[in-house]
């Protein structure tokens, strides 16, 4: 599983609707940022390639989104942790 943190820049007009639409995408959660016109995103996907597809195709397709930039990625598999010796 891949978890990617990102931010999106959104037009002022329709900001709230764009945030709601982003939160409606499968595997995408939103959170507030202190900068006007930006929203934080947490993207959970099966792989980095899938997360990349969300960032490059699905998120920009939301009306009002000007762009999205990943800032963090984690691909650690929980099953790897469970099978590792302590």
N, C-alpha and C. Protein backbone atom coordinates (compact mmCIF):
# COMPACT_ATOMS: atom_id res chain seq x y z
N UNK A 1 0.84 -1.18 0.00
CA UNK A 1 0.00 0.00 0.00
C UNK A 1 0.88 1.24 0.00
N UNK A 2 0.46 2.23 -0.73
CA UNK A 2 1.17 3.51 -0.79
C UNK A 2 0.31 4.58 -0.12
N UNK A 3 0.97 5.40 0.66
CA UNK A 3 0.32 6.56 1.27
C UNK A 3 1.12 7.77 0.84
N UNK A 4 0.43 8.74 0.23
CA UNK A 4 1.09 9.92 -0.29
C UNK A 4 0.42 11.16 0.29
N UNK A 5 1.23 12.04 0.84
CA UNK A 5 0.76 13.34 1.28
C UNK A 5 1.02 14.35 0.18
N UNK A 6 0.06 15.21 -0.06
CA UNK A 6 0.19 16.19 -1.14
C UNK A 6 -0.58 17.45 -0.75
N UNK A 7 -0.41 18.47 -1.56
CA UNK A 7 -1.28 19.63 -1.43
C UNK A 7 -1.78 20.02 -2.80
N UNK A 8 -2.94 20.65 -2.81
CA UNK A 8 -3.53 21.12 -4.06
C UNK A 8 -3.79 22.61 -3.93
N UNK A 9 -3.55 23.31 -5.02
CA UNK A 9 -3.90 24.73 -5.09
C UNK A 9 -5.25 24.80 -5.81
N UNK A 10 -6.16 25.57 -5.22
CA UNK A 10 -7.54 25.62 -5.71
C UNK A 10 -7.95 27.07 -5.91
N UNK A 11 -8.71 27.31 -6.99
CA UNK A 11 -9.24 28.66 -7.24
C UNK A 11 -10.13 29.09 -6.08
N UNK A 12 -10.13 30.38 -5.78
CA UNK A 12 -10.93 30.91 -4.68
C UNK A 12 -12.43 30.70 -4.93
N UNK A 13 -12.86 30.96 -6.16
CA UNK A 13 -14.27 30.74 -6.49
C UNK A 13 -14.52 29.24 -6.54
N UNK A 14 -15.45 28.77 -5.76
CA UNK A 14 -15.76 27.36 -5.75
C UNK A 14 -14.83 26.51 -4.91
N UNK A 15 -14.06 27.15 -4.01
CA UNK A 15 -13.10 26.43 -3.18
C UNK A 15 -13.77 25.31 -2.38
N UNK A 16 -14.86 25.65 -1.70
CA UNK A 16 -15.53 24.66 -0.85
C UNK A 16 -16.05 23.47 -1.65
N UNK A 17 -16.58 23.72 -2.83
CA UNK A 17 -17.08 22.63 -3.66
C UNK A 17 -15.93 21.75 -4.15
N UNK A 18 -14.82 22.37 -4.53
CA UNK A 18 -13.66 21.59 -4.99
C UNK A 18 -13.13 20.71 -3.86
N UNK A 19 -13.08 21.23 -2.64
CA UNK A 19 -12.61 20.44 -1.50
C UNK A 19 -13.56 19.26 -1.27
N UNK A 20 -14.86 19.50 -1.35
CA UNK A 20 -15.83 18.42 -1.19
C UNK A 20 -15.66 17.37 -2.28
N UNK A 21 -15.44 17.81 -3.51
CA UNK A 21 -15.25 16.88 -4.62
C UNK A 21 -13.96 16.07 -4.46
N UNK A 22 -12.91 16.71 -3.99
CA UNK A 22 -11.65 15.99 -3.75
C UNK A 22 -11.84 14.93 -2.68
N UNK A 23 -12.53 15.28 -1.61
CA UNK A 23 -12.79 14.33 -0.53
C UNK A 23 -13.68 13.17 -0.96
N UNK A 24 -14.40 13.35 -2.05
CA UNK A 24 -15.25 12.29 -2.58
C UNK A 24 -14.51 11.30 -3.47
N UNK A 25 -13.27 11.59 -3.83
CA UNK A 25 -12.49 10.66 -4.64
C UNK A 25 -12.08 9.46 -3.78
N UNK A 26 -12.13 8.28 -4.34
CA UNK A 26 -11.77 7.07 -3.61
C UNK A 26 -10.31 7.13 -3.16
N UNK A 27 -10.10 6.91 -1.86
CA UNK A 27 -8.75 6.89 -1.31
C UNK A 27 -8.17 8.25 -1.01
N UNK A 28 -8.96 9.33 -1.16
CA UNK A 28 -8.45 10.68 -0.92
C UNK A 28 -9.15 11.29 0.29
N UNK A 29 -8.35 11.79 1.22
CA UNK A 29 -8.86 12.54 2.37
C UNK A 29 -8.27 13.94 2.29
N UNK A 30 -9.01 14.92 2.75
CA UNK A 30 -8.53 16.30 2.74
C UNK A 30 -8.32 16.80 4.15
N UNK A 31 -7.43 17.78 4.29
CA UNK A 31 -7.26 18.45 5.57
C UNK A 31 -6.86 19.89 5.31
N UNK A 32 -7.23 20.75 6.25
CA UNK A 32 -6.99 22.19 6.09
C UNK A 32 -5.51 22.52 6.22
N UNK A 33 -5.10 23.52 5.47
CA UNK A 33 -3.76 24.11 5.57
C UNK A 33 -3.92 25.58 5.94
N UNK A 34 -2.87 26.16 6.49
CA UNK A 34 -2.92 27.57 6.91
C UNK A 34 -2.81 28.55 5.75
N UNK A 35 -2.47 28.07 4.57
CA UNK A 35 -2.32 28.96 3.42
C UNK A 35 -3.62 29.06 2.63
N UNK A 36 -4.09 30.27 2.38
CA UNK A 36 -5.30 30.43 1.58
C UNK A 36 -5.11 29.84 0.17
N UNK A 37 -6.13 29.18 -0.32
CA UNK A 37 -6.08 28.63 -1.67
C UNK A 37 -5.42 27.27 -1.78
N UNK A 38 -5.01 26.70 -0.63
CA UNK A 38 -4.40 25.37 -0.64
C UNK A 38 -5.16 24.43 0.28
N UNK A 39 -5.16 23.15 -0.07
CA UNK A 39 -5.76 22.12 0.76
C UNK A 39 -4.78 20.95 0.82
N UNK A 40 -4.69 20.32 1.98
CA UNK A 40 -3.86 19.14 2.13
C UNK A 40 -4.61 17.90 1.67
N UNK A 41 -3.87 16.95 1.14
CA UNK A 41 -4.45 15.69 0.65
C UNK A 41 -3.68 14.51 1.22
N UNK A 42 -4.40 13.48 1.59
CA UNK A 42 -3.81 12.20 1.96
C UNK A 42 -4.37 11.18 0.99
N UNK A 43 -3.50 10.56 0.23
CA UNK A 43 -3.92 9.63 -0.82
C UNK A 43 -3.45 8.23 -0.44
N UNK A 44 -4.40 7.31 -0.34
CA UNK A 44 -4.08 5.91 -0.07
C UNK A 44 -4.40 5.10 -1.32
N UNK A 45 -3.42 4.35 -1.79
CA UNK A 45 -3.59 3.58 -3.03
C UNK A 45 -2.83 2.26 -2.91
N UNK A 46 -3.13 1.34 -3.81
CA UNK A 46 -2.48 0.03 -3.79
C UNK A 46 -0.99 0.11 -4.08
N UNK A 47 -0.58 1.09 -4.87
CA UNK A 47 0.83 1.22 -5.25
C UNK A 47 1.15 2.69 -5.52
N UNK A 48 2.44 2.99 -5.63
CA UNK A 48 2.84 4.35 -5.99
C UNK A 48 2.33 4.73 -7.38
N UNK A 49 2.31 3.77 -8.29
CA UNK A 49 1.78 4.05 -9.63
C UNK A 49 0.31 4.45 -9.56
N UNK A 50 -0.46 3.76 -8.73
CA UNK A 50 -1.87 4.10 -8.57
C UNK A 50 -2.02 5.49 -7.94
N UNK A 51 -1.21 5.79 -6.94
CA UNK A 51 -1.26 7.11 -6.30
C UNK A 51 -0.87 8.19 -7.30
N UNK A 52 0.12 7.90 -8.13
CA UNK A 52 0.54 8.84 -9.17
C UNK A 52 -0.62 9.12 -10.12
N UNK A 53 -1.36 8.09 -10.49
CA UNK A 53 -2.52 8.28 -11.36
C UNK A 53 -3.57 9.18 -10.74
N UNK A 54 -3.78 9.03 -9.44
CA UNK A 54 -4.74 9.90 -8.75
C UNK A 54 -4.27 11.35 -8.81
N UNK A 55 -2.97 11.56 -8.53
CA UNK A 55 -2.42 12.92 -8.50
C UNK A 55 -2.38 13.56 -9.88
N UNK A 56 -2.09 12.78 -10.91
CA UNK A 56 -1.92 13.37 -12.24
C UNK A 56 -3.19 13.37 -13.09
N UNK A 57 -4.16 12.51 -12.76
CA UNK A 57 -5.36 12.44 -13.60
C UNK A 57 -6.64 12.82 -12.86
N UNK A 58 -6.89 12.21 -11.71
CA UNK A 58 -8.16 12.42 -11.02
C UNK A 58 -8.25 13.77 -10.32
N UNK A 59 -7.21 14.13 -9.58
CA UNK A 59 -7.26 15.39 -8.83
C UNK A 59 -7.32 16.61 -9.76
N UNK A 60 -6.48 16.69 -10.80
CA UNK A 60 -6.58 17.84 -11.71
C UNK A 60 -7.91 17.93 -12.46
N UNK A 61 -8.64 16.81 -12.55
CA UNK A 61 -9.92 16.81 -13.25
C UNK A 61 -11.04 17.45 -12.42
N UNK A 62 -10.80 17.68 -11.14
CA UNK A 62 -11.79 18.32 -10.28
C UNK A 62 -11.85 19.81 -10.64
N UNK A 63 -13.05 20.29 -10.87
CA UNK A 63 -13.24 21.70 -11.23
C UNK A 63 -12.70 22.61 -10.14
N UNK A 64 -11.85 23.55 -10.51
CA UNK A 64 -11.26 24.51 -9.59
C UNK A 64 -9.85 24.17 -9.14
N UNK A 65 -9.41 22.93 -9.35
CA UNK A 65 -8.06 22.54 -8.96
C UNK A 65 -7.07 23.07 -9.99
N UNK A 66 -6.09 23.83 -9.53
CA UNK A 66 -5.07 24.39 -10.41
C UNK A 66 -3.86 23.48 -10.54
N UNK A 67 -3.62 22.64 -9.54
CA UNK A 67 -2.49 21.72 -9.57
C UNK A 67 -2.38 20.99 -8.26
N UNK A 68 -1.64 19.87 -8.27
CA UNK A 68 -1.42 19.09 -7.06
C UNK A 68 0.04 18.65 -7.03
N UNK A 69 0.64 18.69 -5.85
CA UNK A 69 2.05 18.37 -5.69
C UNK A 69 2.25 17.40 -4.53
N UNK A 70 2.87 16.25 -4.78
CA UNK A 70 3.17 15.34 -3.68
C UNK A 70 4.31 15.89 -2.83
N UNK A 71 4.24 15.67 -1.53
CA UNK A 71 5.30 16.13 -0.63
C UNK A 71 5.82 15.02 0.28
N UNK A 72 5.15 13.85 0.27
CA UNK A 72 5.54 12.75 1.13
C UNK A 72 5.02 11.46 0.53
N UNK A 73 5.78 10.39 0.62
CA UNK A 73 5.32 9.09 0.16
C UNK A 73 5.85 8.00 1.08
N UNK A 74 5.01 7.02 1.36
CA UNK A 74 5.39 5.87 2.17
C UNK A 74 4.82 4.63 1.52
N UNK A 75 5.65 3.65 1.28
CA UNK A 75 5.19 2.41 0.66
C UNK A 75 5.43 1.21 1.54
N UNK A 76 5.66 1.43 2.80
CA UNK A 76 5.92 0.34 3.73
C UNK A 76 4.72 -0.60 3.79
N UNK A 77 4.97 -1.88 3.63
CA UNK A 77 3.92 -2.88 3.65
C UNK A 77 3.79 -3.44 5.06
N UNK A 78 2.58 -3.40 5.61
CA UNK A 78 2.36 -3.88 6.96
C UNK A 78 2.71 -5.35 7.11
N UNK A 79 2.51 -6.16 6.09
CA UNK A 79 2.82 -7.58 6.21
C UNK A 79 4.33 -7.79 6.33
N UNK A 80 5.14 -6.89 5.78
CA UNK A 80 6.60 -6.97 5.95
C UNK A 80 6.98 -6.74 7.41
N UNK A 81 6.29 -5.83 8.07
CA UNK A 81 6.57 -5.54 9.47
C UNK A 81 6.21 -6.72 10.36
N UNK A 82 5.08 -7.35 10.07
CA UNK A 82 4.61 -8.46 10.90
C UNK A 82 5.54 -9.66 10.80
N UNK A 83 6.16 -9.88 9.65
CA UNK A 83 7.01 -11.04 9.47
C UNK A 83 8.46 -10.81 9.85
N UNK A 84 8.82 -9.56 10.14
CA UNK A 84 10.20 -9.24 10.51
C UNK A 84 10.46 -9.65 11.96
N UNK A 85 11.65 -10.21 12.23
CA UNK A 85 11.98 -10.56 13.62
C UNK A 85 12.16 -9.30 14.45
N UNK A 86 11.81 -9.38 15.71
CA UNK A 86 11.89 -8.22 16.61
C UNK A 86 13.28 -8.01 17.13
